[in-house]
C-alpha atoms as a PDB file:
ATOM      1  CA  MET A   1     -52.840  -8.211 -40.336  1.00  0.00           C
ATOM      2  CA  SER A   2     -50.369  -8.011 -37.576  1.00  0.00           C
ATOM      3  CA  THR A   3     -49.569 -11.187 -35.621  1.00  0.00           C
ATOM      4  CA  GLY A   4     -47.849  -9.222 -32.860  1.00  0.00           C
ATOM      5  CA  MET A   5     -44.639 -11.285 -33.353  1.00  0.00           C
ATOM      6  CA  GLU A   6     -42.958 -10.093 -36.559  1.00  0.00           C
ATOM      7  CA  ALA A   7     -40.049  -8.692 -34.598  1.00  0.00           C
ATOM      8  CA  ARG A   8     -39.394 -11.940 -32.743  1.00  0.00           C
ATOM      9  CA  PRO A   9     -39.521 -14.987 -35.051  1.00  0.00           C
ATOM     10  CA  SER A  10     -37.109 -16.906 -32.682  1.00  0.00           C
ATOM     11  CA  LEU A  11     -38.762 -18.748 -29.695  1.00  0.00           C
ATOM     12  CA  ASP A  12     -36.475 -17.556 -26.907  1.00  0.00           C
ATOM     13  CA  GLY A  13     -38.774 -16.411 -24.166  1.00  0.00           C
ATOM     14  CA  VAL A  14     -41.939 -17.054 -26.275  1.00  0.00           C
ATOM     15  CA  ARG A  15     -44.747 -18.564 -24.253  1.00  0.00           C
ATOM     16  CA  VAL A  16     -46.170 -21.624 -25.863  1.00  0.00           C
ATOM     17  CA  LEU A  17     -49.010 -23.938 -25.078  1.00  0.00           C
ATOM     18  CA  VAL A  18     -49.216 -27.455 -26.400  1.00  0.00           C
ATOM     19  CA  THR A  19     -52.307 -29.463 -26.341  1.00  0.00           C
ATOM     20  CA  GLY A  20     -51.712 -33.164 -26.866  1.00  0.00           C
ATOM     21  CA  GLY A  21     -48.298 -32.854 -25.354  1.00  0.00           C
ATOM     22  CA  SER A  22     -48.304 -36.305 -23.746  1.00  0.00           C
ATOM     23  CA  GLY A  23     -48.871 -37.978 -27.056  1.00  0.00           C
ATOM     24  CA  PHE A  24     -46.240 -39.207 -29.526  1.00  0.00           C
ATOM     25  CA  LEU A  25     -45.838 -36.122 -31.615  1.00  0.00           C
ATOM     26  CA  GLY A  26     -46.452 -33.900 -28.691  1.00  0.00           C
ATOM     27  CA  ARG A  27     -43.702 -35.431 -26.603  1.00  0.00           C
ATOM     28  CA  HIS A  28     -41.236 -34.878 -29.429  1.00  0.00           C
ATOM     29  CA  LEU A  29     -42.345 -31.328 -29.926  1.00  0.00           C
ATOM     30  CA  VAL A  30     -42.061 -30.401 -26.232  1.00  0.00           C
ATOM     31  CA  ARG A  31     -38.591 -31.866 -26.115  1.00  0.00           C
ATOM     32  CA  ALA A  32     -37.638 -29.750 -29.155  1.00  0.00           C
ATOM     33  CA  LEU A  33     -39.131 -26.520 -27.700  1.00  0.00           C
ATOM     34  CA  ILE A  34     -37.213 -26.821 -24.402  1.00  0.00           C
ATOM     35  CA  PRO A  35     -33.664 -26.104 -25.738  1.00  0.00           C
ATOM     36  CA  LEU A  36     -35.060 -23.297 -28.024  1.00  0.00           C
ATOM     37  CA  GLY A  37     -35.669 -21.242 -25.045  1.00  0.00           C
ATOM     38  CA  ALA A  38     -39.538 -21.268 -25.197  1.00  0.00           C
ATOM     39  CA  GLU A  39     -41.640 -21.165 -21.925  1.00  0.00           C
ATOM     40  CA  VAL A  40     -43.892 -24.253 -22.516  1.00  0.00           C
ATOM     41  CA  ALA A  41     -47.179 -25.134 -20.990  1.00  0.00           C
ATOM     42  CA  VAL A  42     -48.637 -28.605 -21.689  1.00  0.00           C
ATOM     43  CA  LEU A  43     -52.318 -29.173 -21.272  1.00  0.00           C
ATOM     44  CA  VAL A  44     -52.866 -32.848 -20.039  1.00  0.00           C
ATOM     45  CA  ARG A  45     -55.774 -34.715 -18.622  1.00  0.00           C
ATOM     46  CA  ASP A  46     -53.330 -36.916 -16.558  1.00  0.00           C
ATOM     47  CA  PRO A  47     -50.348 -35.171 -14.974  1.00  0.00           C
ATOM     48  CA  ALA A  48     -48.383 -38.446 -14.782  1.00  0.00           C
ATOM     49  CA  ALA A  49     -48.790 -38.971 -18.493  1.00  0.00           C
ATOM     50  CA  GLY A  50     -47.821 -35.317 -19.028  1.00  0.00           C
ATOM     51  CA  SER A  51     -44.399 -35.752 -17.308  1.00  0.00           C
ATOM     52  CA  ARG A  52     -43.260 -37.990 -20.105  1.00  0.00           C
ATOM     53  CA  PRO A  53     -42.102 -35.347 -22.508  1.00  0.00           C
ATOM     54  CA  LEU A  54     -39.179 -34.628 -20.057  1.00  0.00           C
ATOM     55  CA  ALA A  55     -38.122 -38.194 -19.820  1.00  0.00           C
ATOM     56  CA  GLY A  56     -34.597 -38.608 -20.877  1.00  0.00           C
ATOM     57  CA  ASP A  57     -33.911 -34.939 -21.472  1.00  0.00           C
ATOM     58  CA  GLY A  58     -30.778 -35.075 -19.362  1.00  0.00           C
ATOM     59  CA  GLU A  59     -30.806 -31.393 -18.336  1.00  0.00           C
ATOM     60  CA  PRO A  60     -32.812 -30.900 -15.163  1.00  0.00           C
ATOM     61  CA  GLU A  61     -32.576 -27.124 -15.414  1.00  0.00           C
ATOM     62  CA  ARG A  62     -34.700 -27.162 -18.518  1.00  0.00           C
ATOM     63  CA  ALA A  63     -37.615 -28.816 -16.641  1.00  0.00           C
ATOM     64  CA  GLY A  64     -38.422 -25.293 -15.225  1.00  0.00           C
ATOM     65  CA  ARG A  65     -39.327 -24.201 -18.677  1.00  0.00           C
ATOM     66  CA  VAL A  66     -42.274 -26.782 -18.807  1.00  0.00           C
ATOM     67  CA  THR A  67     -45.563 -26.300 -16.808  1.00  0.00           C
ATOM     68  CA  LEU A  68     -47.959 -29.093 -16.778  1.00  0.00           C
ATOM     69  CA  MET A  69     -51.597 -27.801 -16.693  1.00  0.00           C
ATOM     70  CA  GLN A  70     -54.333 -30.351 -15.881  1.00  0.00           C
ATOM     71  CA  GLY A  71     -57.450 -30.029 -17.922  1.00  0.00           C
ATOM     72  CA  ASP A  72     -59.580 -31.730 -20.595  1.00  0.00           C
ATOM     73  CA  LEU A  73     -60.049 -30.204 -24.098  1.00  0.00           C
ATOM     74  CA  LEU A  74     -63.860 -30.652 -23.483  1.00  0.00           C
ATOM     75  CA  ASP A  75     -63.617 -28.211 -20.577  1.00  0.00           C
ATOM     76  CA  GLU A  76     -63.781 -24.821 -22.156  1.00  0.00           C
ATOM     77  CA  ALA A  77     -62.855 -22.924 -19.042  1.00  0.00           C
ATOM     78  CA  ALA A  78     -59.781 -25.127 -18.439  1.00  0.00           C
ATOM     79  CA  VAL A  79     -58.625 -24.496 -21.943  1.00  0.00           C
ATOM     80  CA  ILE A  80     -59.100 -20.733 -21.663  1.00  0.00           C
ATOM     81  CA  ARG A  81     -57.123 -20.735 -18.377  1.00  0.00           C
ATOM     82  CA  ALA A  82     -54.338 -22.806 -20.122  1.00  0.00           C
ATOM     83  CA  ALA A  83     -54.045 -20.367 -22.931  1.00  0.00           C
ATOM     84  CA  ALA A  84     -53.598 -17.298 -20.741  1.00  0.00           C
ATOM     85  CA  GLY A  85     -50.494 -15.497 -21.704  1.00  0.00           C
ATOM     86  CA  ALA A  86     -49.562 -17.832 -24.639  1.00  0.00           C
ATOM     87  CA  ASP A  87     -48.074 -16.321 -27.762  1.00  0.00           C
ATOM     88  CA  ILE A  88     -48.275 -19.511 -29.704  1.00  0.00           C
ATOM     89  CA  VAL A  89     -50.680 -22.559 -29.336  1.00  0.00           C
ATOM     90  CA  PHE A  90     -49.818 -25.821 -30.994  1.00  0.00           C
ATOM     91  CA  HIS A  91     -52.975 -27.717 -31.131  1.00  0.00           C
ATOM     92  CA  LEU A  92     -52.110 -31.455 -31.280  1.00  0.00           C
ATOM     93  CA  GLY A  93     -54.745 -32.856 -28.872  1.00  0.00           C
ATOM     94  CA  GLY A  94     -57.526 -34.990 -29.822  1.00  0.00           C
ATOM     95  CA  ARG A  95     -58.445 -38.500 -30.843  1.00  0.00           C
ATOM     96  CA  GLY A  96     -56.207 -40.341 -33.440  1.00  0.00           C
ATOM     97  CA  GLY A  97     -57.288 -42.622 -36.096  1.00  0.00           C
ATOM     98  CA  GLY A  98     -58.713 -46.068 -35.008  1.00  0.00           C
ATOM     99  CA  GLY A  99     -61.814 -47.321 -33.285  1.00  0.00           C
ATOM    100  CA  GLY A 100     -64.289 -45.088 -31.759  1.00  0.00           C
ATOM    101  CA  SER A 101     -67.842 -43.692 -32.244  1.00  0.00           C
ATOM    102  CA  PHE A 102     -69.125 -40.590 -33.937  1.00  0.00           C
ATOM    103  CA  ARG A 103     -69.565 -39.145 -30.473  1.00  0.00           C
ATOM    104  CA  ASP A 104     -66.011 -40.004 -29.514  1.00  0.00           C
ATOM    105  CA  PHE A 105     -64.385 -38.336 -32.512  1.00  0.00           C
ATOM    106  CA  THR A 106     -66.764 -35.372 -32.475  1.00  0.00           C
ATOM    107  CA  ASP A 107     -66.095 -34.678 -28.853  1.00  0.00           C
ATOM    108  CA  ALA A 108     -62.305 -34.924 -29.028  1.00  0.00           C
ATOM    109  CA  ASN A 109     -61.622 -33.433 -32.503  1.00  0.00           C
ATOM    110  CA  VAL A 110     -64.456 -30.996 -33.159  1.00  0.00           C
ATOM    111  CA  THR A 111     -65.613 -29.764 -29.701  1.00  0.00           C
ATOM    112  CA  GLY A 112     -62.025 -29.909 -28.498  1.00  0.00           C
ATOM    113  CA  THR A 113     -60.831 -27.833 -31.385  1.00  0.00           C
ATOM    114  CA  CYS A 114     -63.804 -25.382 -30.844  1.00  0.00           C
ATOM    115  CA  ASN A 115     -62.637 -24.850 -27.212  1.00  0.00           C
ATOM    116  CA  VAL A 116     -59.102 -24.230 -28.309  1.00  0.00           C
ATOM    117  CA  LEU A 117     -60.213 -21.648 -30.814  1.00  0.00           C
ATOM    118  CA  THR A 118     -62.519 -19.976 -28.223  1.00  0.00           C
ATOM    119  CA  ALA A 119     -59.460 -19.912 -25.799  1.00  0.00           C
ATOM    120  CA  CYS A 120     -57.128 -18.302 -28.557  1.00  0.00           C
ATOM    121  CA  ALA A 121     -59.786 -15.644 -29.090  1.00  0.00           C
ATOM    122  CA  ALA A 122     -60.379 -14.950 -25.423  1.00  0.00           C
ATOM    123  CA  GLN A 123     -56.754 -14.823 -24.655  1.00  0.00           C
ATOM    124  CA  ALA A 124     -55.615 -12.884 -27.817  1.00  0.00           C
ATOM    125  CA  VAL A 125     -53.179 -15.637 -28.704  1.00  0.00           C
ATOM    126  CA  ALA A 126     -50.998 -14.415 -31.702  1.00  0.00           C
ATOM    127  CA  ARG A 127     -50.543 -17.770 -33.438  1.00  0.00           C
ATOM    128  CA  LEU A 128     -52.305 -21.195 -33.765  1.00  0.00           C
ATOM    129  CA  VAL A 129     -50.724 -24.193 -35.384  1.00  0.00           C
ATOM    130  CA  PHE A 130     -53.305 -26.714 -35.927  1.00  0.00           C
ATOM    131  CA  VAL A 131     -52.255 -30.386 -36.650  1.00  0.00           C
ATOM    132  CA  SER A 132     -54.938 -32.081 -38.836  1.00  0.00           C
ATOM    133  CA  SER A 133     -54.126 -35.243 -40.827  1.00  0.00           C
ATOM    134  CA  ALA A 134     -53.600 -36.374 -44.446  1.00  0.00           C
ATOM    135  CA  ALA A 135     -56.502 -38.721 -43.763  1.00  0.00           C
ATOM    136  CA  VAL A 136     -58.767 -35.986 -44.790  1.00  0.00           C
ATOM    137  CA  TYR A 137     -57.850 -36.757 -48.482  1.00  0.00           C
ATOM    138  CA  GLY A 138     -59.176 -40.241 -48.395  1.00  0.00           C
ATOM    139  CA  THR A 139     -57.458 -43.021 -50.354  1.00  0.00           C
ATOM    140  CA  GLY A 140     -57.272 -44.304 -54.027  1.00  0.00           C
ATOM    141  CA  SER A 141     -55.681 -41.513 -55.896  1.00  0.00           C
ATOM    142  CA  PRO A 142     -52.764 -42.723 -58.114  1.00  0.00           C
ATOM    143  CA  ILE A 143     -50.998 -39.354 -57.836  1.00  0.00           C
ATOM    144  CA  ALA A 144     -49.395 -37.493 -54.924  1.00  0.00           C
ATOM    145  CA  LEU A 145     -52.139 -35.164 -53.630  1.00  0.00           C
ATOM    146  CA  ASP A 146     -51.577 -31.472 -53.058  1.00  0.00           C
ATOM    147  CA  GLU A 147     -53.467 -29.051 -50.915  1.00  0.00           C
ATOM    148  CA  ASP A 148     -55.865 -28.124 -53.830  1.00  0.00           C
ATOM    149  CA  GLN A 149     -57.344 -31.520 -53.676  1.00  0.00           C
ATOM    150  CA  PRO A 150     -60.773 -31.233 -51.849  1.00  0.00           C
ATOM    151  CA  PRO A 151     -61.222 -33.584 -48.768  1.00  0.00           C
ATOM    152  CA  ARG A 152     -62.685 -36.842 -49.510  1.00  0.00           C
ATOM    153  CA  GLY A 153     -62.034 -38.770 -46.317  1.00  0.00           C
ATOM    154  CA  ARG A 154     -64.842 -41.095 -45.383  1.00  0.00           C
ATOM    155  CA  SER A 155     -63.827 -42.464 -41.983  1.00  0.00           C
ATOM    156  CA  ILE A 156     -65.180 -40.999 -38.759  1.00  0.00           C
ATOM    157  CA  TYR A 157     -61.725 -39.725 -37.772  1.00  0.00           C
ATOM    158  CA  ALA A 158     -61.275 -38.040 -41.204  1.00  0.00           C
ATOM    159  CA  ALA A 159     -64.730 -36.526 -40.954  1.00  0.00           C
ATOM    160  CA  SER A 160     -63.894 -35.037 -37.597  1.00  0.00           C
ATOM    161  CA  LYS A 161     -60.683 -33.559 -38.840  1.00  0.00           C
ATOM    162  CA  ILE A 162     -62.354 -32.010 -41.876  1.00  0.00           C
ATOM    163  CA  ALA A 163     -64.955 -30.350 -39.567  1.00  0.00           C
ATOM    164  CA  ALA A 164     -62.088 -29.074 -37.276  1.00  0.00           C
ATOM    165  CA  GLU A 165     -60.331 -27.589 -40.274  1.00  0.00           C
ATOM    166  CA  ALA A 166     -63.473 -25.826 -41.224  1.00  0.00           C
ATOM    167  CA  LEU A 167     -63.575 -24.370 -37.649  1.00  0.00           C
ATOM    168  CA  VAL A 168     -60.041 -23.085 -37.963  1.00  0.00           C
ATOM    169  CA  ALA A 169     -60.826 -21.507 -41.275  1.00  0.00           C
ATOM    170  CA  ALA A 170     -63.731 -19.664 -39.577  1.00  0.00           C
ATOM    171  CA  HIS A 171     -61.352 -18.545 -36.864  1.00  0.00           C
ATOM    172  CA  VAL A 172     -59.109 -17.083 -39.395  1.00  0.00           C
ATOM    173  CA  ALA A 173     -61.990 -15.307 -41.133  1.00  0.00           C
ATOM    174  CA  THR A 174     -62.531 -13.367 -37.961  1.00  0.00           C
ATOM    175  CA  GLY A 175     -59.121 -11.752 -38.408  1.00  0.00           C
ATOM    176  CA  ARG A 176     -56.935 -14.120 -36.463  1.00  0.00           C
ATOM    177  CA  TRP A 177     -53.702 -15.985 -37.352  1.00  0.00           C
ATOM    178  CA  ALA A 178     -53.779 -19.802 -37.762  1.00  0.00           C
ATOM    179  CA  VAL A 179     -52.366 -22.451 -40.064  1.00  0.00           C
ATOM    180  CA  THR A 180     -53.206 -26.078 -40.680  1.00  0.00           C
ATOM    181  CA  LEU A 181     -50.737 -28.735 -41.071  1.00  0.00           C
ATOM    182  CA  ARG A 182     -51.693 -32.129 -42.619  1.00  0.00           C
ATOM    183  CA  PRO A 183     -48.981 -34.638 -41.751  1.00  0.00           C
ATOM    184  CA  SER A 184     -48.802 -38.026 -43.310  1.00  0.00           C
ATOM    185  CA  ASN A 185     -48.006 -41.206 -41.345  1.00  0.00           C
ATOM    186  CA  ILE A 186     -45.713 -40.096 -38.615  1.00  0.00           C
ATOM    187  CA  TYR A 187     -43.183 -42.614 -37.122  1.00  0.00           C
ATOM    188  CA  GLY A 188     -40.245 -42.580 -34.863  1.00  0.00           C
ATOM    189  CA  PRO A 189     -38.685 -43.449 -31.489  1.00  0.00           C
ATOM    190  CA  ASP A 190     -40.979 -43.952 -28.546  1.00  0.00           C
ATOM    191  CA  GLN A 191     -43.995 -44.417 -30.700  1.00  0.00           C
ATOM    192  CA  MET A 192     -46.551 -46.456 -28.554  1.00  0.00           C
ATOM    193  CA  THR A 193     -49.592 -46.229 -30.866  1.00  0.00           C
ATOM    194  CA  ASP A 194     -50.559 -49.174 -33.016  1.00  0.00           C
ATOM    195  CA  THR A 195     -49.394 -48.385 -36.542  1.00  0.00           C
ATOM    196  CA  VAL A 196     -48.055 -50.493 -39.404  1.00  0.00           C
ATOM    197  CA  ALA A 197     -44.515 -49.295 -38.698  1.00  0.00           C
ATOM    198  CA  THR A 198     -44.764 -50.064 -34.861  1.00  0.00           C
ATOM    199  CA  ALA A 199     -46.404 -53.437 -35.664  1.00  0.00           C
ATOM    200  CA  LEU A 200     -43.566 -54.431 -38.010  1.00  0.00           C
ATOM    201  CA  LEU A 201     -40.825 -53.371 -35.604  1.00  0.00           C
ATOM    202  CA  GLY A 202     -42.652 -55.144 -32.745  1.00  0.00           C
ATOM    203  CA  GLN A 203     -42.684 -58.321 -34.678  1.00  0.00           C
ATOM    204  CA  ILE A 204     -39.049 -58.041 -35.537  1.00  0.00           C
ATOM    205  CA  ALA A 205     -38.242 -57.396 -31.896  1.00  0.00           C
ATOM    206  CA  ARG A 206     -39.915 -60.734 -30.978  1.00  0.00           C
ATOM    207  CA  THR A 207     -39.348 -63.036 -33.912  1.00  0.00           C
ATOM    208  CA  ASP A 208     -37.358 -63.563 -37.091  1.00  0.00           C
ATOM    209  CA  GLU A 209     -40.619 -63.787 -39.292  1.00  0.00           C
ATOM    210  CA  ILE A 210     -42.835 -61.002 -40.227  1.00  0.00           C
ATOM    211  CA  VAL A 211     -46.320 -61.868 -41.015  1.00  0.00           C
ATOM    212  CA  LEU A 212     -47.946 -59.254 -43.469  1.00  0.00           C
ATOM    213  CA  ARG A 213     -51.742 -59.409 -43.753  1.00  0.00           C
ATOM    214  CA  ALA A 214     -51.988 -56.716 -46.553  1.00  0.00           C
ATOM    215  CA  LEU A 215     -49.267 -56.033 -48.944  1.00  0.00           C
ATOM    216  CA  HIS A 216     -50.881 -53.357 -51.158  1.00  0.00           C
ATOM    217  CA  PRO A 217     -51.742 -50.347 -48.987  1.00  0.00           C
ATOM    218  CA  VAL A 218     -49.339 -47.450 -50.056  1.00  0.00           C
ATOM    219  CA  ARG A 219     -48.657 -44.455 -47.720  1.00  0.00           C
ATOM    220  CA  ASP A 220     -45.947 -41.974 -47.309  1.00  0.00           C
ATOM    221  CA  TYR A 221     -44.109 -41.929 -43.969  1.00  0.00           C
ATOM    222  CA  VAL A 222     -42.567 -38.882 -42.348  1.00  0.00           C
ATOM    223  CA  TYR A 223     -40.102 -39.157 -39.468  1.00  0.00           C
ATOM    224  CA  VAL A 224     -41.133 -37.530 -36.262  1.00  0.00           C
ATOM    225  CA  ARG A 225     -38.261 -35.083 -36.090  1.00  0.00           C
ATOM    226  CA  ASP A 226     -39.021 -33.875 -39.573  1.00  0.00           C
ATOM    227  CA  ALA A 227     -42.650 -33.355 -38.583  1.00  0.00           C
ATOM    228  CA  VAL A 228     -41.614 -31.391 -35.452  1.00  0.00           C
ATOM    229  CA  ASP A 229     -39.310 -29.237 -37.740  1.00  0.00           C
ATOM    230  CA  ALA A 230     -42.388 -28.415 -39.787  1.00  0.00           C
ATOM    231  CA  LEU A 231     -44.403 -27.458 -36.797  1.00  0.00           C
ATOM    232  CA  LEU A 232     -41.585 -25.140 -35.555  1.00  0.00           C
ATOM    233  CA  ALA A 233     -41.076 -23.709 -38.955  1.00  0.00           C
ATOM    234  CA  ALA A 234     -44.780 -22.812 -39.277  1.00  0.00           C
ATOM    235  CA  ALA A 235     -44.745 -21.060 -35.960  1.00  0.00           C
ATOM    236  CA  ARG A 236     -41.652 -19.065 -36.760  1.00  0.00           C
ATOM    237  CA  ARG A 237     -42.680 -17.674 -40.154  1.00  0.00           C
ATOM    238  CA  PRO A 238     -44.260 -14.272 -39.670  1.00  0.00           C
ATOM    239  CA  ASP A 239     -44.815 -14.004 -43.350  1.00  0.00           C
ATOM    240  CA  LEU A 240     -46.825 -17.162 -43.531  1.00  0.00           C
ATOM    241  CA  PRO A 241     -50.283 -16.186 -44.659  1.00  0.00           C
ATOM    242  CA  PRO A 242     -53.065 -16.965 -42.067  1.00  0.00           C
ATOM    243  CA  GLY A 243     -55.287 -19.673 -43.161  1.00  0.00           C
ATOM    244  CA  ARG A 244     -52.606 -21.587 -45.113  1.00  0.00           C
ATOM    245  CA  THR A 245     -52.949 -25.351 -45.228  1.00  0.00           C
ATOM    246  CA  LEU A 246     -49.797 -27.371 -45.894  1.00  0.00           C
ATOM    247  CA  ASN A 247     -49.080 -31.050 -46.238  1.00  0.00           C
ATOM    248  CA  ILE A 248     -46.208 -32.383 -44.066  1.00  0.00           C
ATOM    249  CA  SER A 249     -45.114 -35.553 -45.892  1.00  0.00           C
ATOM    250  CA  SER A 250     -42.209 -37.434 -47.391  1.00  0.00           C
ATOM    251  CA  GLY A 251     -43.728 -37.146 -50.856  1.00  0.00           C
ATOM    252  CA  ALA A 252     -42.816 -40.807 -51.533  1.00  0.00           C
ATOM    253  CA  GLY A 253     -45.145 -43.721 -51.382  1.00  0.00           C
ATOM    254  CA  HIS A 254     -44.175 -47.147 -49.872  1.00  0.00           C
ATOM    255  CA  SER A 255     -46.300 -50.318 -49.941  1.00  0.00           C
ATOM    256  CA  VAL A 256     -46.548 -52.262 -46.769  1.00  0.00           C
ATOM    257  CA  ARG A 257     -44.180 -54.819 -48.343  1.00  0.00           C
ATOM    258  CA  GLN A 258     -41.638 -52.096 -49.122  1.00  0.00           C
ATOM    259  CA  LEU A 259     -41.980 -50.821 -45.597  1.00  0.00           C
ATOM    260  CA  ALA A 260     -41.194 -54.293 -44.314  1.00  0.00           C
ATOM    261  CA  GLU A 261     -38.106 -54.578 -46.461  1.00  0.00           C
ATOM    262  CA  ALA A 262     -36.980 -51.116 -45.202  1.00  0.00           C
ATOM    263  CA  ALA A 263     -37.554 -52.195 -41.610  1.00  0.00           C
ATOM    264  CA  ILE A 264     -35.374 -55.415 -42.272  1.00  0.00           C
ATOM    265  CA  ALA A 265     -32.630 -53.368 -43.715  1.00  0.00           C
ATOM    266  CA  ALA A 266     -32.807 -51.009 -40.729  1.00  0.00           C
ATOM    267  CA  VAL A 267     -32.642 -53.771 -38.261  1.00  0.00           C
ATOM    268  CA  ARG A 268     -29.691 -55.384 -39.945  1.00  0.00           C
ATOM    269  CA  ARG A 269     -27.704 -52.287 -39.492  1.00  0.00           C
ATOM    270  CA  THR A 270     -28.066 -52.691 -35.785  1.00  0.00           C
ATOM    271  CA  GLU A 271     -28.152 -56.545 -35.707  1.00  0.00           C
ATOM    272  CA  PRO A 272     -26.199 -57.652 -38.783  1.00  0.00           C
ATOM    273  CA  ASP A 273     -26.383 -61.405 -37.987  1.00  0.00           C
ATOM    274  CA  ARG A 274     -30.278 -61.416 -37.964  1.00  0.00           C
ATOM    275  CA  SER A 275     -31.993 -63.496 -40.654  1.00  0.00           C
ATOM    276  CA  ILE A 276     -35.552 -62.159 -41.035  1.00  0.00           C
ATOM    277  CA  THR A 277     -38.060 -63.479 -43.440  1.00  0.00           C
ATOM    278  CA  VAL A 278     -41.454 -62.202 -44.627  1.00  0.00           C
ATOM    279  CA  ARG A 279     -44.591 -64.416 -44.737  1.00  0.00           C
ATOM    280  CA  PRO A 280     -47.268 -62.679 -46.652  1.00  0.00           C
ATOM    281  CA  VAL A 281     -50.859 -63.713 -46.128  1.00  0.00           C
ATOM    282  CA  ALA A 282     -52.776 -64.126 -49.379  1.00  0.00           C
ATOM    283  CA  GLU A 283     -54.956 -61.200 -50.140  1.00  0.00           C
ATOM    284  CA  PRO A 284     -57.597 -60.770 -52.958  1.00  0.00           C
ATOM    285  CA  ALA A 285     -56.311 -59.958 -56.377  1.00  0.00           C
ATOM    286  CA  ASP A 286     -59.040 -57.426 -56.860  1.00  0.00           C
ATOM    287  CA  ALA A 287     -58.485 -55.543 -53.648  1.00  0.00           C
ATOM    288  CA  PRO A 288     -59.427 -51.919 -54.096  1.00  0.00           C
ATOM    289  CA  SER A 289     -56.750 -49.131 -54.362  1.00  0.00           C
ATOM    290  CA  ASP A 290     -55.589 -48.167 -50.924  1.00  0.00           C
ATOM    291  CA  ARG A 291     -53.051 -45.363 -51.748  1.00  0.00           C
ATOM    292  CA  LEU A 292     -52.459 -42.143 -50.093  1.00  0.00           C
ATOM    293  CA  VAL A 293     -49.335 -40.088 -50.925  1.00  0.00           C
ATOM    294  CA  CYS A 294     -49.167 -36.327 -50.438  1.00  0.00           C
ATOM    295  CA  ASP A 295     -47.205 -33.698 -52.273  1.00  0.00           C
ATOM    296  CA  ASN A 296     -44.960 -31.628 -50.002  1.00  0.00           C
ATOM    297  CA  ALA A 297     -43.978 -28.972 -52.520  1.00  0.00           C
ATOM    298  CA  ALA A 298     -46.003 -26.186 -50.944  1.00  0.00           C
ATOM    299  CA  ALA A 299     -44.530 -26.847 -47.399  1.00  0.00           C
ATOM    300  CA  ARG A 300     -40.998 -26.859 -48.891  1.00  0.00           C
ATOM    301  CA  ALA A 301     -41.616 -23.459 -50.473  1.00  0.00           C
ATOM    302  CA  ALA A 302     -43.591 -21.803 -47.642  1.00  0.00           C
ATOM    303  CA  LEU A 303     -41.585 -23.117 -44.755  1.00  0.00           C
ATOM    304  CA  ASP A 304     -38.210 -23.571 -46.203  1.00  0.00           C
ATOM    305  CA  TRP A 305     -38.453 -27.107 -44.952  1.00  0.00           C
ATOM    306  CA  ALA A 306     -37.886 -30.525 -46.317  1.00  0.00           C
ATOM    307  CA  PRO A 307     -37.858 -33.992 -44.784  1.00  0.00           C
ATOM    308  CA  ARG A 308     -34.191 -34.898 -43.847  1.00  0.00           C
ATOM    309  CA  VAL A 309     -34.436 -38.424 -42.366  1.00  0.00           C
ATOM    310  CA  GLY A 310     -34.775 -41.326 -44.952  1.00  0.00           C
ATOM    311  CA  LEU A 311     -37.123 -44.285 -44.266  1.00  0.00           C
ATOM    312  CA  ILE A 312     -34.357 -46.805 -43.389  1.00  0.00           C
ATOM    313  CA  ASP A 313     -32.621 -44.347 -41.225  1.00  0.00           C
ATOM    314  CA  GLY A 314     -35.726 -43.414 -39.339  1.00  0.00           C
ATOM    315  CA  LEU A 315     -36.750 -47.006 -38.895  1.00  0.00           C
ATOM    316  CA  GLN A 316     -33.278 -47.791 -37.542  1.00  0.00           C
ATOM    317  CA  ALA A 317     -33.578 -45.072 -34.892  1.00  0.00           C
ATOM    318  CA  SER A 318     -37.072 -46.370 -34.177  1.00  0.00           C
ATOM    319  CA  TYR A 319     -35.860 -49.899 -33.718  1.00  0.00           C
ATOM    320  CA  ALA A 320     -32.859 -48.836 -31.700  1.00  0.00           C
ATOM    321  CA  SER A 321     -35.184 -46.940 -29.257  1.00  0.00           C
ATOM    322  CA  ARG A 322     -37.518 -50.051 -29.004  1.00  0.00           C
ATOM    323  CA  ILE A 323     -34.784 -52.355 -27.913  1.00  0.00           C
ATOM    324  CA  GLY A 324     -33.098 -49.787 -25.691  1.00  0.00           C
ATOM    325  CA  ARG A 325     -30.050 -48.973 -27.851  1.00  0.00           C
ATOM    326  CA  SER A 326     -30.765 -45.358 -28.686  1.00  0.00           C
END
């Protein structure tokens, strides 16, 4: 099947639509697309929030390559208009993990994805890179999970992502090109969402004592720039089979306690005189297994990609950004 872009794997002059471009990963993706020469459109509900991807870019002439398009993912007509002329769509928009009802997650992640797929079909978009989540696997496996592991996520968020992945698979079955990426826990500078990593760095920024309420959960953490590199690699690989699903992960698990130790080591690089202690809160000895680590071998092979930023280095950059030293 032809994607219409085999002769131009670079992004110079390529027209790109990013949904979710005002979010954490989306902002970093837009910033990476600008110097690559892409003509970028960002679909945002709030134009003021959408302007954040250009903050700190430092080269005003690049701003002309980004067009903010106001619209909601739930508005099918608005999404179709936004996709007009696009060669590539990066679909990052939706509702992240956390609180919310079935309706909240279904609207944002299922109906929203349905509208993006409808727009890609209506506008003959050559490529769709859909960002799902490692949460679809669920937790508890003692091994690093590869893409052959069937989804077992039980949260409302995971269920909505599983449903969205099924819609993308149906889109591919109609003869269109799309790939699905399942990132693990993404962290990095300018992250405003409430995650374990941001909570730890926030505590360190305020006090010399870290309070940990759960030591045992194990996750793998991927630096935001590494995640962006994977998105870009997926979009620029004309030989990547449509329908491919790939884990974007570090491949290494860290408990909350280990993450805290890495955060302390990172902060001491910036503030060597800091003395930071960890005060764990007792947790049940029989706490259920809460482990989710993903194998990244398939992405390494398919995308010629590998995570380059280690956990301490990534946390150091994140902390420096938080305290204004980046």
